[in-house]
C-alpha cells in the first residue's frame, strides 16, 4: 500500500512539473500551453512567455503539422520581398499594430516569428506583442532567415534575390596597416575550410567556414568592423552577403591570394 501511495505521489509531481509551463505567469503575461516537447519536436521556454525553436524543429513542424501553424517574418517588407521562409507572412515588427490583423483569429494558433538571426531583436519584440494580444502558443525562431537559407531549407526567392552587390574591398596594404595597429575595432575572418586555414592564414584571423557562416556568426561583434576573406573572392562574397542580412553595418572584403602575392606574413595553426 505504501509503495502504491509513493508511486501515485511521484506521478502527481511529474504531472505538476510538466504542466507548470502552461499556467498563468501571474504577472499579466500569457504563458505557453504546449509542453516543452510536441511529439518529437523540442523547444525552450523563456521568461518572456514565448518559446525558442531551432531550424530542425521548425522544419519538422512545417512538414508534419502545417495546418495549425503560421510562420511570421518580422523584418521589413523589402527584406521579406527579397527572400523569406516559404509560405511565411510578413508582419513588420516596427508596424506591428498596423498589420496585426493578418494574424489568425484563433488565439491558440501556433505562431512562429523570425527575423535576421540571433542578434536581431524584431522577432522577440513581435512575439511579446502577440502575447499581449492573447496568443498563447508563441514561438521565436531565433536562428532566423540567414541560417534557414544557409541550411538549404525551403524559401521564396524574389526577383532581386540573385542581384549582385558591390562589396567594400581592402587592399593588402590597407589591411596589413590595420592588423599592425593591433586596434580592438575590427575582426578578420577567414571563411575558407579549416584545413586551408591551418595551412596558412592572415595574422590574428579567426576561422568561420563559409558553409556554416551564419550559424556561427554569433561570435562576431556588431560594433566592430568585420573583414572577411577567402582565396579568390567567391566564399568571402557569400559571407559578406550573409553579414549584410544579419544586420552588420561595417563590412569589408579581402583576398588571401592578393595578401600572399604582396609577400605579407602568413601564420600557420598547429595540427
C-alpha atoms as a PDB file:
ATOM      1  CA  UNK A   1       0.000   0.000   0.000  1.00  0.00           C
ATOM      2  CA  UNK A   2       2.828   2.378   0.953  1.00  0.00           C
ATOM      3  CA  UNK A   3       4.527   1.563  -2.356  1.00  0.00           C
ATOM      4  CA  UNK A   4       1.359   2.413  -4.336  1.00  0.00           C
ATOM      5  CA  UNK A   5       0.980   5.663  -2.402  1.00  0.00           C
ATOM      6  CA  UNK A   6       4.599   6.597  -3.168  1.00  0.00           C
ATOM      7  CA  UNK A   7       4.191   5.846  -6.878  1.00  0.00           C
ATOM      8  CA  UNK A   8       0.994   7.903  -7.021  1.00  0.00           C
ATOM      9  CA  UNK A   9       2.745  10.827  -5.310  1.00  0.00           C
ATOM     10  CA  UNK A  10       5.653  10.705  -7.762  1.00  0.00           C
ATOM     11  CA  UNK A  11       3.214  10.557 -10.695  1.00  0.00           C
ATOM     12  CA  UNK A  12       1.327  13.636  -9.466  1.00  0.00           C
ATOM     13  CA  UNK A  13       4.609  15.522  -9.007  1.00  0.00           C
ATOM     14  CA  UNK A  14       5.610  14.698 -12.553  1.00  0.00           C
ATOM     15  CA  UNK A  15       2.295  15.997 -13.854  1.00  0.00           C
ATOM     16  CA  UNK A  16       2.755  19.173 -11.859  1.00  0.00           C
ATOM     17  CA  UNK A  17       6.198  19.835 -13.371  1.00  0.00           C
ATOM     18  CA  UNK A  18       5.053  19.027 -16.912  1.00  0.00           C
ATOM     19  CA  UNK A  19       2.065  21.334 -16.646  1.00  0.00           C
ATOM     20  CA  UNK A  20       3.727  24.220 -14.838  1.00  0.00           C
ATOM     21  CA  UNK A  21       4.798  25.981 -18.009  1.00  0.00           C
ATOM     22  CA  UNK A  22       1.243  26.152 -19.249  1.00  0.00           C
ATOM     23  CA  UNK A  23      -0.093  28.046 -16.243  1.00  0.00           C
ATOM     24  CA  UNK A  24      -0.599  31.789 -15.952  1.00  0.00           C
ATOM     25  CA  UNK A  25       2.628  33.589 -15.136  1.00  0.00           C
ATOM     26  CA  UNK A  26       0.930  35.702 -12.508  1.00  0.00           C
ATOM     27  CA  UNK A  27       2.306  38.998 -13.833  1.00  0.00           C
ATOM     28  CA  UNK A  28      -0.095  39.588 -16.709  1.00  0.00           C
ATOM     29  CA  UNK A  29       1.932  37.607 -19.250  1.00  0.00           C
ATOM     30  CA  UNK A  30       0.370  34.726 -21.149  1.00  0.00           C
ATOM     31  CA  UNK A  31       2.415  31.539 -20.995  1.00  0.00           C
ATOM     32  CA  UNK A  32       2.597  28.648 -23.438  1.00  0.00           C
ATOM     33  CA  UNK A  33       0.006  25.864 -23.309  1.00  0.00           C
ATOM     34  CA  UNK A  34       2.205  23.373 -25.163  1.00  0.00           C
ATOM     35  CA  UNK A  35       4.541  21.140 -23.219  1.00  0.00           C
ATOM     36  CA  UNK A  36       8.292  21.565 -23.917  1.00  0.00           C
ATOM     37  CA  UNK A  37       8.067  18.556 -26.241  1.00  0.00           C
ATOM     38  CA  UNK A  38       5.485  18.379 -29.021  1.00  0.00           C
ATOM     39  CA  UNK A  39       5.725  14.879 -30.435  1.00  0.00           C
ATOM     40  CA  UNK A  40       9.453  14.675 -31.137  1.00  0.00           C
ATOM     41  CA  UNK A  41       9.852  18.451 -31.516  1.00  0.00           C
ATOM     42  CA  UNK A  42      11.611  20.130 -28.599  1.00  0.00           C
ATOM     43  CA  UNK A  43      11.503  23.841 -27.821  1.00  0.00           C
ATOM     44  CA  UNK A  44      12.768  26.013 -24.996  1.00  0.00           C
ATOM     45  CA  UNK A  45      10.514  28.226 -22.842  1.00  0.00           C
ATOM     46  CA  UNK A  46      11.758  31.710 -21.914  1.00  0.00           C
ATOM     47  CA  UNK A  47      10.944  34.034 -19.007  1.00  0.00           C
ATOM     48  CA  UNK A  48       9.279  36.402 -21.501  1.00  0.00           C
ATOM     49  CA  UNK A  49       6.480  33.936 -22.225  1.00  0.00           C
ATOM     50  CA  UNK A  50       7.427  32.777 -25.719  1.00  0.00           C
ATOM     51  CA  UNK A  51       9.497  29.685 -26.556  1.00  0.00           C
ATOM     52  CA  UNK A  52      12.595  29.298 -28.735  1.00  0.00           C
ATOM     53  CA  UNK A  53      12.603  26.811 -31.596  1.00  0.00           C
ATOM     54  CA  UNK A  54      15.532  25.773 -33.790  1.00  0.00           C
ATOM     55  CA  UNK A  55      15.832  25.022 -37.509  1.00  0.00           C
ATOM     56  CA  UNK A  56      15.277  21.274 -37.264  1.00  0.00           C
ATOM     57  CA  UNK A  57      12.188  21.693 -35.061  1.00  0.00           C
ATOM     58  CA  UNK A  58      10.629  24.339 -37.333  1.00  0.00           C
ATOM     59  CA  UNK A  59      11.226  22.209 -40.419  1.00  0.00           C
ATOM     60  CA  UNK A  60       9.624  19.205 -38.695  1.00  0.00           C
ATOM     61  CA  UNK A  61       6.546  21.218 -37.707  1.00  0.00           C
ATOM     62  CA  UNK A  62       6.179  22.547 -41.256  1.00  0.00           C
ATOM     63  CA  UNK A  63       6.443  19.005 -42.617  1.00  0.00           C
ATOM     64  CA  UNK A  64       4.171  17.259 -40.108  1.00  0.00           C
ATOM     65  CA  UNK A  65       1.729  19.801 -38.644  1.00  0.00           C
ATOM     66  CA  UNK A  66       1.352  22.793 -41.004  1.00  0.00           C
ATOM     67  CA  UNK A  67      -2.408  23.263 -40.522  1.00  0.00           C
ATOM     68  CA  UNK A  68      -2.245  24.726 -37.018  1.00  0.00           C
ATOM     69  CA  UNK A  69       0.891  26.776 -37.679  1.00  0.00           C
ATOM     70  CA  UNK A  70       1.658  30.225 -39.012  1.00  0.00           C
ATOM     71  CA  UNK A  71       5.193  31.479 -39.670  1.00  0.00           C
ATOM     72  CA  UNK A  72       5.634  35.247 -39.417  1.00  0.00           C
ATOM     73  CA  UNK A  73       8.510  37.253 -40.902  1.00  0.00           C
ATOM     74  CA  UNK A  74       9.028  40.253 -38.589  1.00  0.00           C
ATOM     75  CA  UNK A  75      11.511  42.009 -40.905  1.00  0.00           C
ATOM     76  CA  UNK A  76      10.712  44.981 -43.093  1.00  0.00           C
ATOM     77  CA  UNK A  77       8.764  44.443 -46.372  1.00  0.00           C
ATOM     78  CA  UNK A  78      11.838  44.957 -48.597  1.00  0.00           C
ATOM     79  CA  UNK A  79      13.721  42.129 -46.874  1.00  0.00           C
ATOM     80  CA  UNK A  80      10.632  39.918 -46.994  1.00  0.00           C
ATOM     81  CA  UNK A  81      10.154  40.524 -50.726  1.00  0.00           C
ATOM     82  CA  UNK A  82      13.767  39.601 -51.475  1.00  0.00           C
ATOM     83  CA  UNK A  83      13.611  36.238 -49.686  1.00  0.00           C
ATOM     84  CA  UNK A  84      11.560  34.618 -46.936  1.00  0.00           C
ATOM     85  CA  UNK A  85      10.656  31.223 -45.496  1.00  0.00           C
ATOM     86  CA  UNK A  86       8.244  29.500 -47.842  1.00  0.00           C
ATOM     87  CA  UNK A  87       4.589  30.327 -47.023  1.00  0.00           C
ATOM     88  CA  UNK A  88       5.534  32.818 -44.279  1.00  0.00           C
ATOM     89  CA  UNK A  89       3.502  36.016 -43.959  1.00  0.00           C
ATOM     90  CA  UNK A  90       5.005  39.463 -43.292  1.00  0.00           C
ATOM     91  CA  UNK A  91       4.089  41.372 -40.150  1.00  0.00           C
ATOM     92  CA  UNK A  92       6.848  44.005 -39.784  1.00  0.00           C
ATOM     93  CA  UNK A  93       7.720  44.444 -36.127  1.00  0.00           C
ATOM     94  CA  UNK A  94       8.031  48.222 -36.460  1.00  0.00           C
ATOM     95  CA  UNK A  95       4.456  48.392 -37.779  1.00  0.00           C
ATOM     96  CA  UNK A  96       3.054  45.509 -35.759  1.00  0.00           C
ATOM     97  CA  UNK A  97      -0.225  47.168 -34.752  1.00  0.00           C
ATOM     98  CA  UNK A  98      -0.955  48.131 -38.350  1.00  0.00           C
ATOM     99  CA  UNK A  99      -0.507  44.578 -39.667  1.00  0.00           C
ATOM    100  CA  UNK A 100      -1.667  42.600 -36.604  1.00  0.00           C
ATOM    101  CA  UNK A 101      -4.987  41.787 -38.284  1.00  0.00           C
ATOM    102  CA  UNK A 102      -3.036  39.389 -40.536  1.00  0.00           C
ATOM    103  CA  UNK A 103      -2.599  37.096 -37.542  1.00  0.00           C
ATOM    104  CA  UNK A 104      -5.192  34.337 -37.071  1.00  0.00           C
ATOM    105  CA  UNK A 105      -8.350  34.972 -35.043  1.00  0.00           C
ATOM    106  CA  UNK A 106      -7.769  31.758 -33.110  1.00  0.00           C
ATOM    107  CA  UNK A 107      -5.688  32.738 -30.069  1.00  0.00           C
ATOM    108  CA  UNK A 108      -4.466  29.171 -29.587  1.00  0.00           C
ATOM    109  CA  UNK A 109      -2.879  29.032 -33.047  1.00  0.00           C
ATOM    110  CA  UNK A 110       0.813  28.207 -33.027  1.00  0.00           C
ATOM    111  CA  UNK A 111       2.683  31.319 -34.260  1.00  0.00           C
ATOM    112  CA  UNK A 112       6.413  31.349 -35.006  1.00  0.00           C
ATOM    113  CA  UNK A 113       8.211  34.676 -35.506  1.00  0.00           C
ATOM    114  CA  UNK A 114      11.614  35.110 -37.120  1.00  0.00           C
ATOM    115  CA  UNK A 115      13.920  37.850 -38.409  1.00  0.00           C
ATOM    116  CA  UNK A 116      17.646  38.117 -39.227  1.00  0.00           C
ATOM    117  CA  UNK A 117      19.320  35.812 -36.741  1.00  0.00           C
ATOM    118  CA  UNK A 118      20.341  35.561 -33.082  1.00  0.00           C
ATOM    119  CA  UNK A 119      21.255  39.236 -32.692  1.00  0.00           C
ATOM    120  CA  UNK A 120      18.098  40.535 -34.387  1.00  0.00           C
ATOM    121  CA  UNK A 121      15.513  41.649 -31.837  1.00  0.00           C
ATOM    122  CA  UNK A 122      12.497  42.113 -34.124  1.00  0.00           C
ATOM    123  CA  UNK A 123      11.138  38.565 -33.763  1.00  0.00           C
ATOM    124  CA  UNK A 124      11.344  38.708 -29.953  1.00  0.00           C
ATOM    125  CA  UNK A 125       9.568  42.084 -29.818  1.00  0.00           C
ATOM    126  CA  UNK A 126       6.860  40.829 -32.191  1.00  0.00           C
ATOM    127  CA  UNK A 127       6.393  37.680 -30.092  1.00  0.00           C
ATOM    128  CA  UNK A 128       5.926  39.775 -26.950  1.00  0.00           C
ATOM    129  CA  UNK A 129       3.348  41.926 -28.758  1.00  0.00           C
ATOM    130  CA  UNK A 130       1.455  38.782 -29.824  1.00  0.00           C
ATOM    131  CA  UNK A 131       1.450  37.512 -26.235  1.00  0.00           C
ATOM    132  CA  UNK A 132      -0.087  40.801 -25.090  1.00  0.00           C
ATOM    133  CA  UNK A 133      -2.833  40.274 -27.682  1.00  0.00           C
ATOM    134  CA  UNK A 134      -3.681  36.961 -26.018  1.00  0.00           C
ATOM    135  CA  UNK A 135      -1.944  34.434 -28.270  1.00  0.00           C
ATOM    136  CA  UNK A 136      -0.984  31.503 -26.070  1.00  0.00           C
ATOM    137  CA  UNK A 137       1.378  29.483 -28.280  1.00  0.00           C
ATOM    138  CA  UNK A 138       4.009  31.938 -29.436  1.00  0.00           C
ATOM    139  CA  UNK A 139       7.497  30.966 -30.573  1.00  0.00           C
ATOM    140  CA  UNK A 140      10.679  32.624 -31.848  1.00  0.00           C
ATOM    141  CA  UNK A 141      12.882  31.011 -34.470  1.00  0.00           C
ATOM    142  CA  UNK A 142      15.989  32.874 -33.313  1.00  0.00           C
ATOM    143  CA  UNK A 143      18.426  31.466 -35.895  1.00  0.00           C
ATOM    144  CA  UNK A 144      16.377  33.315 -38.466  1.00  0.00           C
ATOM    145  CA  UNK A 145      16.441  33.760 -42.211  1.00  0.00           C
ATOM    146  CA  UNK A 146      20.236  33.614 -42.770  1.00  0.00           C
ATOM    147  CA  UNK A 147      20.576  30.194 -41.098  1.00  0.00           C
ATOM    148  CA  UNK A 148      17.375  28.841 -42.688  1.00  0.00           C
ATOM    149  CA  UNK A 149      18.726  29.860 -46.080  1.00  0.00           C
ATOM    150  CA  UNK A 150      22.241  28.586 -45.323  1.00  0.00           C
ATOM    151  CA  UNK A 151      20.901  25.130 -44.418  1.00  0.00           C
ATOM    152  CA  UNK A 152      19.049  24.833 -47.718  1.00  0.00           C
ATOM    153  CA  UNK A 153      15.532  24.964 -46.267  1.00  0.00           C
ATOM    154  CA  UNK A 154      12.504  25.878 -48.444  1.00  0.00           C
ATOM    155  CA  UNK A 155      12.402  29.581 -49.328  1.00  0.00           C
ATOM    156  CA  UNK A 156      10.603  32.020 -51.577  1.00  0.00           C
ATOM    157  CA  UNK A 157      13.163  33.991 -53.612  1.00  0.00           C
ATOM    158  CA  UNK A 158      12.066  37.292 -55.135  1.00  0.00           C
ATOM    159  CA  UNK A 159      13.279  38.796 -58.435  1.00  0.00           C
ATOM    160  CA  UNK A 160      16.152  40.663 -56.708  1.00  0.00           C
ATOM    161  CA  UNK A 161      17.404  37.630 -54.811  1.00  0.00           C
ATOM    162  CA  UNK A 162      20.364  36.965 -57.134  1.00  0.00           C
ATOM    163  CA  UNK A 163      21.136  40.645 -57.690  1.00  0.00           C
ATOM    164  CA  UNK A 164      24.890  41.197 -57.470  1.00  0.00           C
ATOM    165  CA  UNK A 165      26.125  43.560 -54.772  1.00  0.00           C
ATOM    166  CA  UNK A 166      29.296  45.652 -54.712  1.00  0.00           C
ATOM    167  CA  UNK A 167      31.496  44.775 -51.747  1.00  0.00           C
ATOM    168  CA  UNK A 168      33.766  47.258 -49.982  1.00  0.00           C
ATOM    169  CA  UNK A 169      37.264  45.856 -50.522  1.00  0.00           C
ATOM    170  CA  UNK A 170      40.518  46.358 -48.636  1.00  0.00           C
ATOM    171  CA  UNK A 171      43.887  46.171 -50.397  1.00  0.00           C
ATOM    172  CA  UNK A 172      46.608  44.012 -48.816  1.00  0.00           C
ATOM    173  CA  UNK A 173      48.494  47.153 -47.784  1.00  0.00           C
ATOM    174  CA  UNK A 174      45.439  48.715 -46.116  1.00  0.00           C
ATOM    175  CA  UNK A 175      44.626  45.509 -44.287  1.00  0.00           C
ATOM    176  CA  UNK A 176      48.223  44.990 -43.155  1.00  0.00           C
ATOM    177  CA  UNK A 177      48.326  48.526 -41.708  1.00  0.00           C
ATOM    178  CA  UNK A 178      45.110  47.774 -39.829  1.00  0.00           C
ATOM    179  CA  UNK A 179      46.407  44.449 -38.480  1.00  0.00           C
ATOM    180  CA  UNK A 180      49.721  46.006 -37.440  1.00  0.00           C
ATOM    181  CA  UNK A 181      47.834  48.678 -35.489  1.00  0.00           C
ATOM    182  CA  UNK A 182      46.511  45.939 -33.182  1.00  0.00           C
ATOM    183  CA  UNK A 183      43.379  48.026 -32.654  1.00  0.00           C
ATOM    184  CA  UNK A 184      40.386  46.371 -30.997  1.00  0.00           C
ATOM    185  CA  UNK A 185      37.931  47.781 -33.529  1.00  0.00           C
ATOM    186  CA  UNK A 186      37.888  45.008 -36.129  1.00  0.00           C
ATOM    187  CA  UNK A 187      37.818  41.227 -36.611  1.00  0.00           C
ATOM    188  CA  UNK A 188      39.441  39.400 -39.523  1.00  0.00           C
ATOM    189  CA  UNK A 189      37.553  36.261 -40.521  1.00  0.00           C
ATOM    190  CA  UNK A 190      38.938  33.528 -42.769  1.00  0.00           C
ATOM    191  CA  UNK A 191      35.915  31.832 -44.381  1.00  0.00           C
ATOM    192  CA  UNK A 192      37.861  29.008 -46.029  1.00  0.00           C
ATOM    193  CA  UNK A 193      37.796  25.403 -44.865  1.00  0.00           C
ATOM    194  CA  UNK A 194      39.576  24.552 -41.567  1.00  0.00           C
ATOM    195  CA  UNK A 195      42.302  22.615 -43.401  1.00  0.00           C
ATOM    196  CA  UNK A 196      43.099  25.632 -45.589  1.00  0.00           C
ATOM    197  CA  UNK A 197      43.117  27.860 -42.509  1.00  0.00           C
ATOM    198  CA  UNK A 198      45.583  25.598 -40.682  1.00  0.00           C
ATOM    199  CA  UNK A 199      47.982  25.617 -43.632  1.00  0.00           C
ATOM    200  CA  UNK A 200      48.197  29.394 -43.622  1.00  0.00           C
ATOM    201  CA  UNK A 201      46.096  32.439 -42.751  1.00  0.00           C
ATOM    202  CA  UNK A 202      46.355  36.162 -42.088  1.00  0.00           C
ATOM    203  CA  UNK A 203      47.790  37.075 -38.660  1.00  0.00           C
ATOM    204  CA  UNK A 204      45.120  37.207 -35.954  1.00  0.00           C
ATOM    205  CA  UNK A 205      42.341  35.864 -38.169  1.00  0.00           C
ATOM    206  CA  UNK A 206      39.639  33.549 -36.849  1.00  0.00           C
ATOM    207  CA  UNK A 207      38.110  30.765 -38.925  1.00  0.00           C
ATOM    208  CA  UNK A 208      34.379  30.566 -39.671  1.00  0.00           C
ATOM    209  CA  UNK A 209      33.890  28.396 -42.794  1.00  0.00           C
ATOM    210  CA  UNK A 210      31.526  29.797 -45.409  1.00  0.00           C
ATOM    211  CA  UNK A 211      29.028  26.875 -45.438  1.00  0.00           C
ATOM    212  CA  UNK A 212      28.159  27.438 -41.754  1.00  0.00           C
ATOM    213  CA  UNK A 213      28.972  31.150 -41.521  1.00  0.00           C
ATOM    214  CA  UNK A 214      25.536  32.402 -40.478  1.00  0.00           C
ATOM    215  CA  UNK A 215      25.152  29.612 -37.917  1.00  0.00           C
ATOM    216  CA  UNK A 216      28.422  30.606 -36.201  1.00  0.00           C
ATOM    217  CA  UNK A 217      28.185  34.382 -36.633  1.00  0.00           C
ATOM    218  CA  UNK A 218      27.089  34.915 -33.026  1.00  0.00           C
ATOM    219  CA  UNK A 219      30.766  35.297 -32.024  1.00  0.00           C
ATOM    220  CA  UNK A 220      31.110  38.453 -34.154  1.00  0.00           C
ATOM    221  CA  UNK A 221      30.616  41.840 -32.512  1.00  0.00           C
ATOM    222  CA  UNK A 222      28.283  44.127 -34.462  1.00  0.00           C
ATOM    223  CA  UNK A 223      30.091  47.155 -33.055  1.00  0.00           C
ATOM    224  CA  UNK A 224      33.316  46.155 -34.803  1.00  0.00           C
ATOM    225  CA  UNK A 225      34.350  46.206 -38.452  1.00  0.00           C
ATOM    226  CA  UNK A 226      34.194  42.658 -39.852  1.00  0.00           C
ATOM    227  CA  UNK A 227      36.699  41.767 -42.580  1.00  0.00           C
ATOM    228  CA  UNK A 228      36.023  38.524 -44.462  1.00  0.00           C
ATOM    229  CA  UNK A 229      38.432  36.862 -46.823  1.00  0.00           C
ATOM    230  CA  UNK A 230      38.991  33.670 -48.815  1.00  0.00           C
ATOM    231  CA  UNK A 231      41.362  32.748 -51.621  1.00  0.00           C
ATOM    232  CA  UNK A 232      39.647  34.060 -54.744  1.00  0.00           C
ATOM    233  CA  UNK A 233      36.605  36.006 -53.542  1.00  0.00           C
ATOM    234  CA  UNK A 234      33.628  33.676 -54.018  1.00  0.00           C
ATOM    235  CA  UNK A 235      33.240  32.364 -50.486  1.00  0.00           C
ATOM    236  CA  UNK A 236      34.009  35.715 -48.851  1.00  0.00           C
ATOM    237  CA  UNK A 237      31.423  37.352 -51.131  1.00  0.00           C
ATOM    238  CA  UNK A 238      28.810  34.909 -49.821  1.00  0.00           C
ATOM    239  CA  UNK A 239      29.900  35.614 -46.229  1.00  0.00           C
ATOM    240  CA  UNK A 240      29.709  39.364 -46.928  1.00  0.00           C
ATOM    241  CA  UNK A 241      26.111  38.992 -48.116  1.00  0.00           C
ATOM    242  CA  UNK A 242      25.228  36.929 -45.074  1.00  0.00           C
ATOM    243  CA  UNK A 243      26.663  39.616 -42.796  1.00  0.00           C
ATOM    244  CA  UNK A 244      24.504  42.207 -44.535  1.00  0.00           C
ATOM    245  CA  UNK A 245      21.403  40.086 -43.956  1.00  0.00           C
ATOM    246  CA  UNK A 246      22.424  39.558 -40.330  1.00  0.00           C
ATOM    247  CA  UNK A 247      22.434  43.314 -39.837  1.00  0.00           C
ATOM    248  CA  UNK A 248      26.167  44.040 -39.703  1.00  0.00           C
ATOM    249  CA  UNK A 249      26.913  47.557 -40.947  1.00  0.00           C
ATOM    250  CA  UNK A 250      30.712  47.825 -41.194  1.00  0.00           C
ATOM    251  CA  UNK A 251      31.923  45.043 -43.507  1.00  0.00           C
ATOM    252  CA  UNK A 252      34.987  44.712 -45.723  1.00  0.00           C
ATOM    253  CA  UNK A 253      36.247  42.019 -48.096  1.00  0.00           C
ATOM    254  CA  UNK A 254      39.847  40.973 -48.787  1.00  0.00           C
ATOM    255  CA  UNK A 255      41.613  38.238 -50.777  1.00  0.00           C
ATOM    256  CA  UNK A 256      44.209  35.828 -49.381  1.00  0.00           C
ATOM    257  CA  UNK A 257      45.681  35.407 -52.876  1.00  0.00           C
ATOM    258  CA  UNK A 258      46.461  39.148 -53.042  1.00  0.00           C
ATOM    259  CA  UNK A 259      47.861  39.027 -49.492  1.00  0.00           C
ATOM    260  CA  UNK A 260      50.295  36.275 -50.448  1.00  0.00           C
ATOM    261  CA  UNK A 261      51.225  37.988 -53.731  1.00  0.00           C
ATOM    262  CA  UNK A 262      52.173  41.071 -51.736  1.00  0.00           C
ATOM    263  CA  UNK A 263      54.578  38.946 -49.669  1.00  0.00           C
ATOM    264  CA  UNK A 264      52.845  39.721 -46.375  1.00  0.00           C
ATOM    265  CA  UNK A 265      53.213  37.467 -43.294  1.00  0.00           C
ATOM    266  CA  UNK A 266      51.219  34.243 -43.025  1.00  0.00           C
ATOM    267  CA  UNK A 267      50.506  32.357 -39.803  1.00  0.00           C
ATOM    268  CA  UNK A 268      50.057  28.598 -39.545  1.00  0.00           C
ATOM    269  CA  UNK A 269      47.997  26.708 -36.978  1.00  0.00           C
ATOM    270  CA  UNK A 270      49.149  23.582 -35.200  1.00  0.00           C
ATOM    271  CA  UNK A 271      47.548  20.334 -36.391  1.00  0.00           C
END
